Amino acid sequence: MSFEPQIPGLLAHVQAARPVANTQAATEKQLRYAQSIAQKAGTTLPKDLYGNRAALSAWIEAHKPKTPDGRFANYPSSKQVAFAERIARIKRRDIPRECFRDKGMMSKWIDGNKPR
């Protein structure tokens, strides 16, 4: 059994979302990242993006380097391995060999063995 209101026009006037009038300026961290992407790509960062956080975020998403595909794409990063090895030394444990071939497994091992 469902309940439906019997008052006509009760939900007839629903306001639509309005665009935000004040745009926020891009953060310093965002600008540095966008400038590094532009420098690596050999392009310039459009000046009109400096004052608009959302527009700069969209530009970054469109121009950031793609994640690598291939044989080693699923391997953990060197930073992830180094962090896991530090944890292993602290806890005096070995890292399972399969963790070195799968970044998801390495992440789970790190989460389960982090010193608290």
C-alpha atoms as a PDB file:
ATOM      1  CA  MET A   1       0.000   0.000   0.000  1.00  0.00           C
ATOM      2  CA  SER A   2       1.443   3.365  -0.955  1.00  0.00           C
ATOM      3  CA  PHE A   3       0.678   6.784   0.373  1.00  0.00           C
ATOM      4  CA  GLU A   4      -0.033   9.527  -2.106  1.00  0.00           C
ATOM      5  CA  PRO A   5      -0.998  13.035  -0.994  1.00  0.00           C
ATOM      6  CA  GLN A   6      -4.570  14.005  -1.869  1.00  0.00           C
ATOM      7  CA  ILE A   7      -3.934  17.748  -1.901  1.00  0.00           C
ATOM      8  CA  PRO A   8      -3.987  18.982  -5.510  1.00  0.00           C
ATOM      9  CA  GLY A   9      -0.961  21.039  -6.511  1.00  0.00           C
ATOM     10  CA  LEU A  10       1.033  20.177  -3.410  1.00  0.00           C
ATOM     11  CA  LEU A  11       4.099  19.096  -5.330  1.00  0.00           C
ATOM     12  CA  ALA A  12       3.346  20.938  -8.565  1.00  0.00           C
ATOM     13  CA  HIS A  13       5.776  23.799  -7.965  1.00  0.00           C
ATOM     14  CA  VAL A  14       9.259  22.318  -7.793  1.00  0.00           C
ATOM     15  CA  GLN A  15      12.175  24.714  -8.160  1.00  0.00           C
ATOM     16  CA  ALA A  16      14.868  23.815 -10.633  1.00  0.00           C
ATOM     17  CA  ALA A  17      18.518  24.094  -9.677  1.00  0.00           C
ATOM     18  CA  ARG A  18      19.952  27.533 -10.320  1.00  0.00           C
ATOM     19  CA  PRO A  19      23.506  28.102 -11.482  1.00  0.00           C
ATOM     20  CA  VAL A  20      25.843  29.507  -8.893  1.00  0.00           C
ATOM     21  CA  ALA A  21      26.379  33.211  -9.489  1.00  0.00           C
ATOM     22  CA  ASN A  22      29.718  33.466  -7.699  1.00  0.00           C
ATOM     23  CA  THR A  23      32.457  31.405  -9.258  1.00  0.00           C
ATOM     24  CA  GLN A  24      35.318  30.452  -7.007  1.00  0.00           C
ATOM     25  CA  ALA A  25      38.876  31.190  -7.985  1.00  0.00           C
ATOM     26  CA  ALA A  26      41.150  28.267  -8.738  1.00  0.00           C
ATOM     27  CA  THR A  27      43.300  27.031  -5.865  1.00  0.00           C
ATOM     28  CA  GLU A  28      47.070  27.404  -5.887  1.00  0.00           C
ATOM     29  CA  LYS A  29      47.483  23.620  -5.962  1.00  0.00           C
ATOM     30  CA  GLN A  30      45.124  23.369  -8.947  1.00  0.00           C
ATOM     31  CA  LEU A  31      47.047  26.056 -10.813  1.00  0.00           C
ATOM     32  CA  ARG A  32      50.413  24.396 -10.185  1.00  0.00           C
ATOM     33  CA  TYR A  33      49.099  21.035 -11.406  1.00  0.00           C
ATOM     34  CA  ALA A  34      47.502  22.576 -14.513  1.00  0.00           C
ATOM     35  CA  GLN A  35      50.699  24.493 -15.309  1.00  0.00           C
ATOM     36  CA  SER A  36      52.788  21.327 -15.015  1.00  0.00           C
ATOM     37  CA  ILE A  37      50.389  19.505 -17.372  1.00  0.00           C
ATOM     38  CA  ALA A  38      50.539  22.390 -19.855  1.00  0.00           C
ATOM     39  CA  GLN A  39      54.335  22.538 -19.663  1.00  0.00           C
ATOM     40  CA  LYS A  40      54.705  18.800 -20.292  1.00  0.00           C
ATOM     41  CA  ALA A  41      52.288  19.021 -23.223  1.00  0.00           C
ATOM     42  CA  GLY A  42      54.065  22.071 -24.661  1.00  0.00           C
ATOM     43  CA  THR A  43      50.939  24.251 -24.520  1.00  0.00           C
ATOM     44  CA  THR A  44      49.961  27.316 -22.538  1.00  0.00           C
ATOM     45  CA  LEU A  45      47.306  27.450 -19.881  1.00  0.00           C
ATOM     46  CA  PRO A  46      44.454  29.809 -20.899  1.00  0.00           C
ATOM     47  CA  LYS A  47      44.426  32.878 -18.612  1.00  0.00           C
ATOM     48  CA  ASP A  48      40.611  32.911 -18.322  1.00  0.00           C
ATOM     49  CA  LEU A  49      40.756  29.656 -16.340  1.00  0.00           C
ATOM     50  CA  TYR A  50      42.629  31.237 -13.412  1.00  0.00           C
ATOM     51  CA  GLY A  51      39.463  32.759 -11.981  1.00  0.00           C
ATOM     52  CA  ASN A  52      37.170  29.761 -12.393  1.00  0.00           C
ATOM     53  CA  ARG A  53      37.771  26.646 -10.320  1.00  0.00           C
ATOM     54  CA  ALA A  54      35.206  24.502 -12.163  1.00  0.00           C
ATOM     55  CA  ALA A  55      36.486  25.446 -15.620  1.00  0.00           C
ATOM     56  CA  LEU A  56      40.092  24.768 -14.606  1.00  0.00           C
ATOM     57  CA  SER A  57      39.065  21.405 -13.174  1.00  0.00           C
ATOM     58  CA  ALA A  58      37.403  20.509 -16.488  1.00  0.00           C
ATOM     59  CA  TRP A  59      40.552  21.589 -18.385  1.00  0.00           C
ATOM     60  CA  ILE A  60      42.733  19.446 -16.116  1.00  0.00           C
ATOM     61  CA  GLU A  61      40.444  16.439 -16.599  1.00  0.00           C
ATOM     62  CA  ALA A  62      40.617  16.838 -20.381  1.00  0.00           C
ATOM     63  CA  HIS A  63      44.401  17.322 -20.550  1.00  0.00           C
ATOM     64  CA  LYS A  64      45.882  15.193 -17.749  1.00  0.00           C
ATOM     65  CA  PRO A  65      48.021  12.238 -18.760  1.00  0.00           C
ATOM     66  CA  LYS A  66      46.125   9.028 -19.295  1.00  0.00           C
ATOM     67  CA  THR A  67      46.759   6.067 -17.043  1.00  0.00           C
ATOM     68  CA  PRO A  68      49.113   3.558 -18.645  1.00  0.00           C
ATOM     69  CA  ASP A  69      47.727   0.460 -20.292  1.00  0.00           C
ATOM     70  CA  GLY A  70      49.710  -2.651 -20.836  1.00  0.00           C
ATOM     71  CA  ARG A  71      51.516  -5.454 -19.152  1.00  0.00           C
ATOM     72  CA  PHE A  72      52.646  -3.549 -16.053  1.00  0.00           C
ATOM     73  CA  ALA A  73      49.623  -1.265 -15.597  1.00  0.00           C
ATOM     74  CA  ASN A  74      48.347  -3.229 -12.598  1.00  0.00           C
ATOM     75  CA  TYR A  75      51.689  -3.355 -10.773  1.00  0.00           C
ATOM     76  CA  PRO A  76      52.058  -1.260  -7.589  1.00  0.00           C
ATOM     77  CA  SER A  77      53.988   2.000  -7.821  1.00  0.00           C
ATOM     78  CA  SER A  78      57.484   2.322  -6.419  1.00  0.00           C
ATOM     79  CA  LYS A  79      56.166   4.615  -3.678  1.00  0.00           C
ATOM     80  CA  GLN A  80      53.546   2.037  -2.719  1.00  0.00           C
ATOM     81  CA  VAL A  81      56.172  -0.711  -2.554  1.00  0.00           C
ATOM     82  CA  ALA A  82      58.537   1.469  -0.508  1.00  0.00           C
ATOM     83  CA  PHE A  83      55.752   2.291   1.957  1.00  0.00           C
ATOM     84  CA  ALA A  84      54.822  -1.385   2.269  1.00  0.00           C
ATOM     85  CA  GLU A  85      58.459  -2.317   2.870  1.00  0.00           C
ATOM     86  CA  ARG A  86      58.728   0.287   5.646  1.00  0.00           C
ATOM     87  CA  ILE A  87      55.622  -1.172   7.287  1.00  0.00           C
ATOM     88  CA  ALA A  88      57.038  -4.690   6.905  1.00  0.00           C
ATOM     89  CA  ARG A  89      60.277  -3.643   8.634  1.00  0.00           C
ATOM     90  CA  ILE A  90      58.379  -1.982  11.483  1.00  0.00           C
ATOM     91  CA  LYS A  91      56.042  -4.949  11.962  1.00  0.00           C
ATOM     92  CA  ARG A  92      58.766  -7.540  11.226  1.00  0.00           C
ATOM     93  CA  ARG A  93      56.588  -9.261   8.614  1.00  0.00           C
ATOM     94  CA  ASP A  94      57.043 -10.367   5.046  1.00  0.00           C
ATOM     95  CA  ILE A  95      55.009  -8.946   2.196  1.00  0.00           C
ATOM     96  CA  PRO A  96      53.324 -11.750   0.198  1.00  0.00           C
ATOM     97  CA  ARG A  97      54.864 -12.149  -3.268  1.00  0.00           C
ATOM     98  CA  GLU A  98      51.531 -11.765  -5.070  1.00  0.00           C
ATOM     99  CA  CYS A  99      51.227  -8.224  -3.675  1.00  0.00           C
ATOM    100  CA  PHE A 100      54.158  -7.177  -5.867  1.00  0.00           C
ATOM    101  CA  ARG A 101      52.122  -8.026  -8.990  1.00  0.00           C
ATOM    102  CA  ASP A 102      48.799  -6.401  -8.063  1.00  0.00           C
ATOM    103  CA  LYS A 103      48.397  -2.848  -6.757  1.00  0.00           C
ATOM    104  CA  GLY A 104      44.965  -3.663  -5.308  1.00  0.00           C
ATOM    105  CA  MET A 105      46.377  -6.493  -3.216  1.00  0.00           C
ATOM    106  CA  MET A 106      49.288  -4.311  -2.144  1.00  0.00           C
ATOM    107  CA  SER A 107      46.853  -1.605  -1.067  1.00  0.00           C
ATOM    108  CA  LYS A 108      44.840  -4.103   0.980  1.00  0.00           C
ATOM    109  CA  TRP A 109      48.023  -5.436   2.605  1.00  0.00           C
ATOM    110  CA  ILE A 110      49.102  -1.894   3.500  1.00  0.00           C
ATOM    111  CA  ASP A 111      45.668  -1.050   4.938  1.00  0.00           C
ATOM    112  CA  GLY A 112      45.641  -4.229   7.011  1.00  0.00           C
ATOM    113  CA  ASN A 113      49.167  -3.766   8.369  1.00  0.00           C
ATOM    114  CA  LYS A 114      49.496  -0.008   8.896  1.00  0.00           C
ATOM    115  CA  PRO A 115      50.907   0.881  12.280  1.00  0.00           C
ATOM    116  CA  ARG A 116      48.235   2.553  14.328  1.00  0.00           C
END
